[in-house]
Amino acid sequence: MYYLVWINIDLSDVIIGLNNMPPLEKTISLKQLRIFAAAAQTGSFIGAASQLHLSQPAISMQMAKLAEITESELFRKIGRQLELTAAGELLLSYVQNILDQLEEAGEALDALHGMRRGTIRLAITTTARYFIPQLVKRFNDQHSDIEVQMEVVNRSQVVEYLAQGSIDIAIMGRPPKRINVQSEVFAEHPYVLIAHPQHPLAKQKGISPSDIANEIFLKREDGSGTRKLMNYFLSSNDIDSPRGHVVGGNESIKQSVMAGFGIAF
């Protein structure tokens, strides 16, 4: 079977570290930045609490922590209103930029999730290259603003790409177990044994494992999904060291079979 495979990514905890400060002891959370921006906008902790639906003590505590982290007084009290200090004004310019960029990022992600624009990085195994381009073409007809970057590689390279996070989705055989991925069955993927039309096996019906034990096999390179499946089939039928040759690529294997060089999966 072919699977659609993609990486599990947890984006729930986003923290921004201040430059030139230790990474754990002195960090500013997005929550603190939003509270600071709301307090600056409304001119009071009460106003910030109302805007963000938080309690006033929670607002005060977070602003005290922010002042401690930045080692700066960010507000001064003028009557009942809060006014930004010079340090507060400086920080606000950066905070507003950060929040604006986060909003833009959210809109961009919404657009991508809605399949309106963006880029999809796709890796497929070599056996899938015969039918996937047709599906990509149909997808592109419906989503012309989405660029599909497709690479055809063997199974090991697909797994490496998934581990590196350098692709968004893969189409392959069995999903890797050592990487935290999600997968969904996509299509059937039958394997058959092929031989030259004049080969004795080509005219034989009901071929058993013992019939192919002494044949010359044309094998894909190590790391290929087809090679893994062939090895599994042969070893599970007590054929541990089959004779054969390594031939890179399915097209080369088919041409070699047509030349009578051996049999292959």
Protein backbone atom coordinates (compact mmCIF):
# COMPACT_ATOMS: atom_id res chain seq x y z
CA MET A 1 0.00 0.00 0.00
CA TYR A 2 0.99 3.62 -0.45
CA TYR A 3 0.71 5.94 2.55
CA LEU A 4 0.46 9.69 2.91
CA VAL A 5 2.95 10.53 5.67
CA TRP A 6 3.61 13.79 7.50
CA ILE A 7 5.43 14.95 10.62
CA ASN A 8 3.79 15.63 13.99
CA ILE A 9 4.82 19.15 15.10
CA ASP A 10 3.86 20.78 18.40
CA LEU A 11 3.65 24.56 18.07
CA SER A 12 1.72 25.14 21.31
CA ASP A 13 4.52 26.69 23.34
CA VAL A 14 6.07 29.74 21.69
CA ILE A 15 8.57 31.75 23.74
CA ILE A 16 10.71 34.65 22.64
CA GLY A 17 14.11 35.03 24.31
CA LEU A 18 15.64 38.46 24.80
CA ASN A 19 19.00 38.99 23.16
CA ASN A 20 22.06 38.70 25.41
CA MET A 21 20.09 37.09 28.24
CA PRO A 22 20.26 33.50 29.55
CA PRO A 23 17.71 31.35 27.69
CA LEU A 24 15.74 30.02 30.66
CA GLU A 25 16.02 32.55 33.47
CA LYS A 26 15.27 35.60 31.33
CA THR A 27 12.59 34.92 28.76
CA ILE A 28 9.54 36.88 27.77
CA SER A 29 6.34 35.03 26.96
CA LEU A 30 3.87 36.07 24.30
CA LYS A 31 1.28 36.40 27.04
CA GLN A 32 3.39 39.08 28.74
CA LEU A 33 3.87 40.91 25.45
CA ARG A 34 0.14 40.96 24.77
CA ILE A 35 -0.59 42.21 28.28
CA PHE A 36 2.06 44.90 27.96
CA ALA A 37 0.64 46.08 24.62
CA ALA A 38 -2.91 46.13 26.02
CA ALA A 39 -1.83 48.09 29.10
CA ALA A 40 0.00 50.60 26.91
CA GLN A 41 -3.04 50.96 24.66
CA THR A 42 -5.64 51.35 27.42
CA GLY A 43 -3.43 53.26 29.85
CA SER A 44 -4.27 51.03 32.81
CA PHE A 45 -4.03 47.50 34.13
CA ILE A 46 -7.80 47.52 34.61
CA GLY A 47 -8.28 48.30 30.93
CA ALA A 48 -5.83 45.57 29.94
CA ALA A 49 -7.62 43.08 32.21
CA SER A 50 -10.97 43.93 30.62
CA GLN A 51 -9.61 43.71 27.08
CA LEU A 52 -7.88 40.37 27.61
CA HIS A 53 -10.49 38.88 29.96
CA LEU A 54 -7.98 38.41 32.77
CA SER A 55 -8.00 39.44 36.41
CA GLN A 56 -6.25 42.65 37.45
CA PRO A 57 -3.93 40.81 39.89
CA ALA A 58 -2.84 38.53 37.04
CA ILE A 59 -2.08 41.57 34.88
CA SER A 60 -0.10 43.24 37.67
CA MET A 61 1.90 40.09 38.36
CA GLN A 62 2.85 39.59 34.71
CA MET A 63 3.89 43.22 34.32
CA ALA A 64 6.01 42.97 37.46
CA LYS A 65 7.74 39.93 35.97
CA LEU A 66 8.27 41.76 32.68
CA ALA A 67 9.84 44.72 34.49
CA GLU A 68 12.12 42.33 36.37
CA ILE A 69 13.19 40.51 33.20
CA THR A 70 13.93 43.71 31.29
CA GLU A 71 15.44 45.36 34.39
CA SER A 72 13.48 48.48 33.48
CA GLU A 73 10.53 50.48 34.74
CA LEU A 74 8.10 50.31 31.84
CA PHE A 75 5.26 52.47 33.21
CA ARG A 76 4.91 55.53 35.39
CA LYS A 77 1.65 56.45 37.07
CA ILE A 78 0.15 59.85 36.24
CA GLY A 79 -2.99 60.19 38.33
CA ARG A 80 -5.08 57.13 37.50
CA GLN A 81 -3.45 56.61 34.15
CA LEU A 82 -0.32 54.67 33.22
CA GLU A 83 2.21 56.32 30.97
CA LEU A 84 5.07 54.58 29.22
CA THR A 85 8.60 55.40 30.29
CA ALA A 86 11.37 55.79 27.70
CA ALA A 87 12.19 52.10 28.18
CA GLY A 88 8.51 51.24 27.79
CA GLU A 89 8.24 53.24 24.57
CA LEU A 90 11.29 51.46 23.17
CA LEU A 91 9.98 48.03 24.13
CA LEU A 92 6.51 48.78 22.75
CA SER A 93 7.89 49.46 19.26
CA TYR A 94 9.42 45.98 19.19
CA VAL A 95 6.43 44.32 20.83
CA GLN A 96 4.01 45.81 18.33
CA ASN A 97 6.18 44.59 15.48
CA ILE A 98 6.27 41.08 16.94
CA LEU A 99 2.50 40.95 17.45
CA ASP A 100 1.88 42.29 13.95
CA GLN A 101 4.14 39.62 12.47
CA LEU A 102 2.37 36.92 14.47
CA GLU A 103 -0.96 38.11 13.13
CA GLU A 104 0.40 38.05 9.58
CA ALA A 105 1.79 34.56 10.16
CA GLY A 106 -1.61 33.41 11.40
CA GLU A 107 -3.31 34.81 8.32
CA ALA A 108 -0.74 33.15 6.07
CA LEU A 109 -1.24 29.80 7.79
CA ASP A 110 -5.01 30.17 7.52
CA ALA A 111 -4.60 30.78 3.81
CA LEU A 112 -2.37 27.72 3.48
CA HIS A 113 -4.76 25.53 5.47
CA GLY A 114 -7.55 26.77 3.29
CA MET A 115 -5.55 25.63 0.24
CA ARG A 116 -5.46 29.08 -1.29
CA ARG A 117 -1.73 29.69 -1.69
CA GLY A 118 1.71 28.57 -0.56
CA THR A 119 4.14 25.76 -1.29
CA ILE A 120 3.84 22.05 -0.63
CA ARG A 121 7.11 20.13 -0.43
CA LEU A 122 6.43 16.56 -1.54
CA ALA A 123 8.73 13.54 -1.65
CA ILE A 124 7.65 10.32 -3.32
CA THR A 125 9.30 6.93 -3.70
CA THR A 126 10.41 5.91 -7.17
CA THR A 127 7.56 3.44 -7.66
CA ALA A 128 5.00 6.20 -7.10
CA ARG A 129 6.34 8.40 -9.88
CA TYR A 130 4.22 6.64 -12.49
CA PHE A 131 0.88 7.90 -11.17
CA ILE A 132 1.52 10.75 -8.72
CA PRO A 133 2.23 13.40 -11.42
CA GLN A 134 -1.31 12.91 -12.72
CA LEU A 135 -2.71 13.55 -9.25
CA VAL A 136 -0.47 16.59 -8.78
CA LYS A 137 -1.75 17.95 -12.10
CA ARG A 138 -5.37 17.53 -10.97
CA PHE A 139 -4.55 19.18 -7.65
CA ASN A 140 -2.88 22.10 -9.42
CA ASP A 141 -5.89 22.57 -11.68
CA GLN A 142 -7.98 23.20 -8.56
CA HIS A 143 -5.33 25.12 -6.58
CA SER A 144 -3.29 27.03 -9.13
CA ASP A 145 -1.77 29.38 -6.51
CA ILE A 146 -0.14 26.50 -4.63
CA GLU A 147 3.31 25.49 -5.84
CA VAL A 148 4.15 21.80 -5.53
CA GLN A 149 7.85 20.98 -5.14
CA MET A 150 8.14 17.26 -5.84
CA GLU A 151 11.23 15.09 -5.50
CA VAL A 152 11.48 11.43 -6.48
CA VAL A 153 13.88 9.49 -4.23
CA ASN A 154 14.24 6.07 -2.64
CA ARG A 155 12.73 5.14 0.71
CA SER A 156 15.80 5.94 2.82
CA GLN A 157 15.96 9.47 1.44
CA VAL A 158 12.23 9.99 2.07
CA VAL A 159 12.71 8.89 5.70
CA GLU A 160 15.69 11.24 6.05
CA TYR A 161 13.65 14.15 4.68
CA LEU A 162 10.86 13.40 7.17
CA ALA A 163 13.37 13.27 10.04
CA GLN A 164 14.86 16.61 8.98
CA GLY A 165 11.45 18.21 8.52
CA SER A 166 12.49 19.31 5.04
CA ILE A 167 9.27 18.07 3.40
CA ASP A 168 5.61 18.58 4.22
CA ILE A 169 4.28 15.26 3.03
CA ALA A 170 5.54 11.97 1.63
CA ILE A 171 4.01 9.23 -0.46
CA MET A 172 5.69 5.94 0.30
CA GLY A 173 5.23 2.35 1.41
CA ARG A 174 5.33 1.46 5.13
CA PRO A 175 5.69 4.62 7.26
CA PRO A 176 8.88 4.78 9.37
CA LYS A 177 8.48 3.71 13.00
CA ARG A 178 11.41 5.65 14.48
CA ILE A 179 9.97 9.07 13.54
CA ASN A 180 6.86 10.62 15.05
CA VAL A 181 4.65 10.85 11.96
CA GLN A 182 1.02 10.60 11.03
CA SER A 183 0.01 8.45 8.10
CA GLU A 184 -3.04 7.44 6.15
CA VAL A 185 -3.50 4.66 3.62
CA PHE A 186 -3.55 6.30 0.23
CA ALA A 187 -3.66 3.58 -2.43
CA GLU A 188 -3.02 -0.10 -3.05
CA HIS A 189 0.54 -1.01 -3.99
CA PRO A 190 0.71 -4.54 -5.41
CA TYR A 191 4.09 -6.16 -6.05
CA VAL A 192 4.57 -8.76 -8.78
CA LEU A 193 7.43 -10.89 -10.00
CA ILE A 194 8.56 -10.06 -13.55
CA ALA A 195 10.62 -12.11 -15.99
CA HIS A 196 11.55 -12.14 -19.68
CA PRO A 197 8.74 -13.60 -21.86
CA GLN A 198 11.05 -16.48 -22.82
CA HIS A 199 12.00 -17.26 -19.23
CA PRO A 200 10.70 -20.67 -18.04
CA LEU A 201 8.83 -19.01 -15.17
CA ALA A 202 6.88 -16.81 -17.60
CA LYS A 203 4.96 -19.84 -18.86
CA GLN A 204 4.55 -21.48 -15.49
CA LYS A 205 1.40 -21.20 -13.39
CA GLY A 206 1.24 -21.41 -9.62
CA ILE A 207 4.84 -20.37 -8.91
CA SER A 208 6.05 -21.30 -5.42
CA PRO A 209 8.96 -19.80 -3.44
CA SER A 210 11.04 -22.91 -4.09
CA ASP A 211 10.68 -22.31 -7.84
CA ILE A 212 12.58 -19.02 -7.60
CA ALA A 213 15.13 -19.94 -4.92
CA ASN A 214 17.94 -20.46 -7.43
CA GLU A 215 17.05 -17.67 -9.83
CA ILE A 216 19.17 -14.58 -10.46
CA PHE A 217 17.46 -11.56 -8.90
CA LEU A 218 17.85 -7.99 -10.05
CA LYS A 219 17.77 -5.98 -6.84
CA ARG A 220 17.28 -2.32 -6.09
CA GLU A 221 19.92 -0.50 -4.03
CA ASP A 222 20.00 -0.67 -0.22
CA GLY A 223 17.46 1.73 1.26
CA SER A 224 14.89 1.11 -1.45
CA GLY A 225 11.41 0.11 -0.30
CA THR A 226 11.25 -2.46 -3.10
CA ARG A 227 14.54 -3.98 -1.89
CA LYS A 228 13.23 -4.17 1.68
CA LEU A 229 10.03 -5.88 0.56
CA MET A 230 11.95 -8.35 -1.63
CA ASN A 231 14.32 -9.20 1.24
CA TYR A 232 11.38 -9.71 3.59
CA PHE A 233 9.56 -11.99 1.14
CA LEU A 234 12.62 -14.09 0.40
CA SER A 235 13.80 -14.43 4.00
CA SER A 236 10.31 -15.32 5.22
CA ASN A 237 10.37 -18.16 2.67
CA ASP A 238 13.83 -19.36 3.79
CA ILE A 239 15.65 -17.87 0.80
CA ASP A 240 18.38 -15.97 2.64
CA SER A 241 21.16 -15.40 0.10
CA PRO A 242 19.68 -15.19 -3.39
CA ARG A 243 22.01 -14.79 -6.35
CA GLY A 244 21.69 -11.51 -8.13
CA HIS A 245 22.88 -8.08 -9.13
CA VAL A 246 22.14 -4.60 -7.82
CA VAL A 247 20.54 -2.36 -10.44
CA GLY A 248 19.66 1.21 -9.51
CA GLY A 249 16.20 2.40 -10.53
CA ASN A 250 13.04 0.65 -11.67
CA GLU A 251 13.50 1.56 -15.32
CA SER A 252 16.98 0.01 -15.38
CA ILE A 253 15.61 -3.11 -13.72
CA LYS A 254 12.84 -3.42 -16.31
CA GLN A 255 15.32 -3.02 -19.15
CA SER A 256 17.59 -5.63 -17.55
CA VAL A 257 14.70 -8.07 -17.23
CA MET A 258 13.80 -7.47 -20.89
CA ALA A 259 17.40 -8.29 -21.75
CA GLY A 260 17.09 -11.62 -19.92
CA PHE A 261 19.55 -10.61 -17.20
CA GLY A 262 17.40 -11.97 -14.36
CA ILE A 263 14.04 -11.72 -12.63
CA ALA A 264 12.84 -8.97 -10.32
CA PHE A 265 10.07 -7.62 -8.12
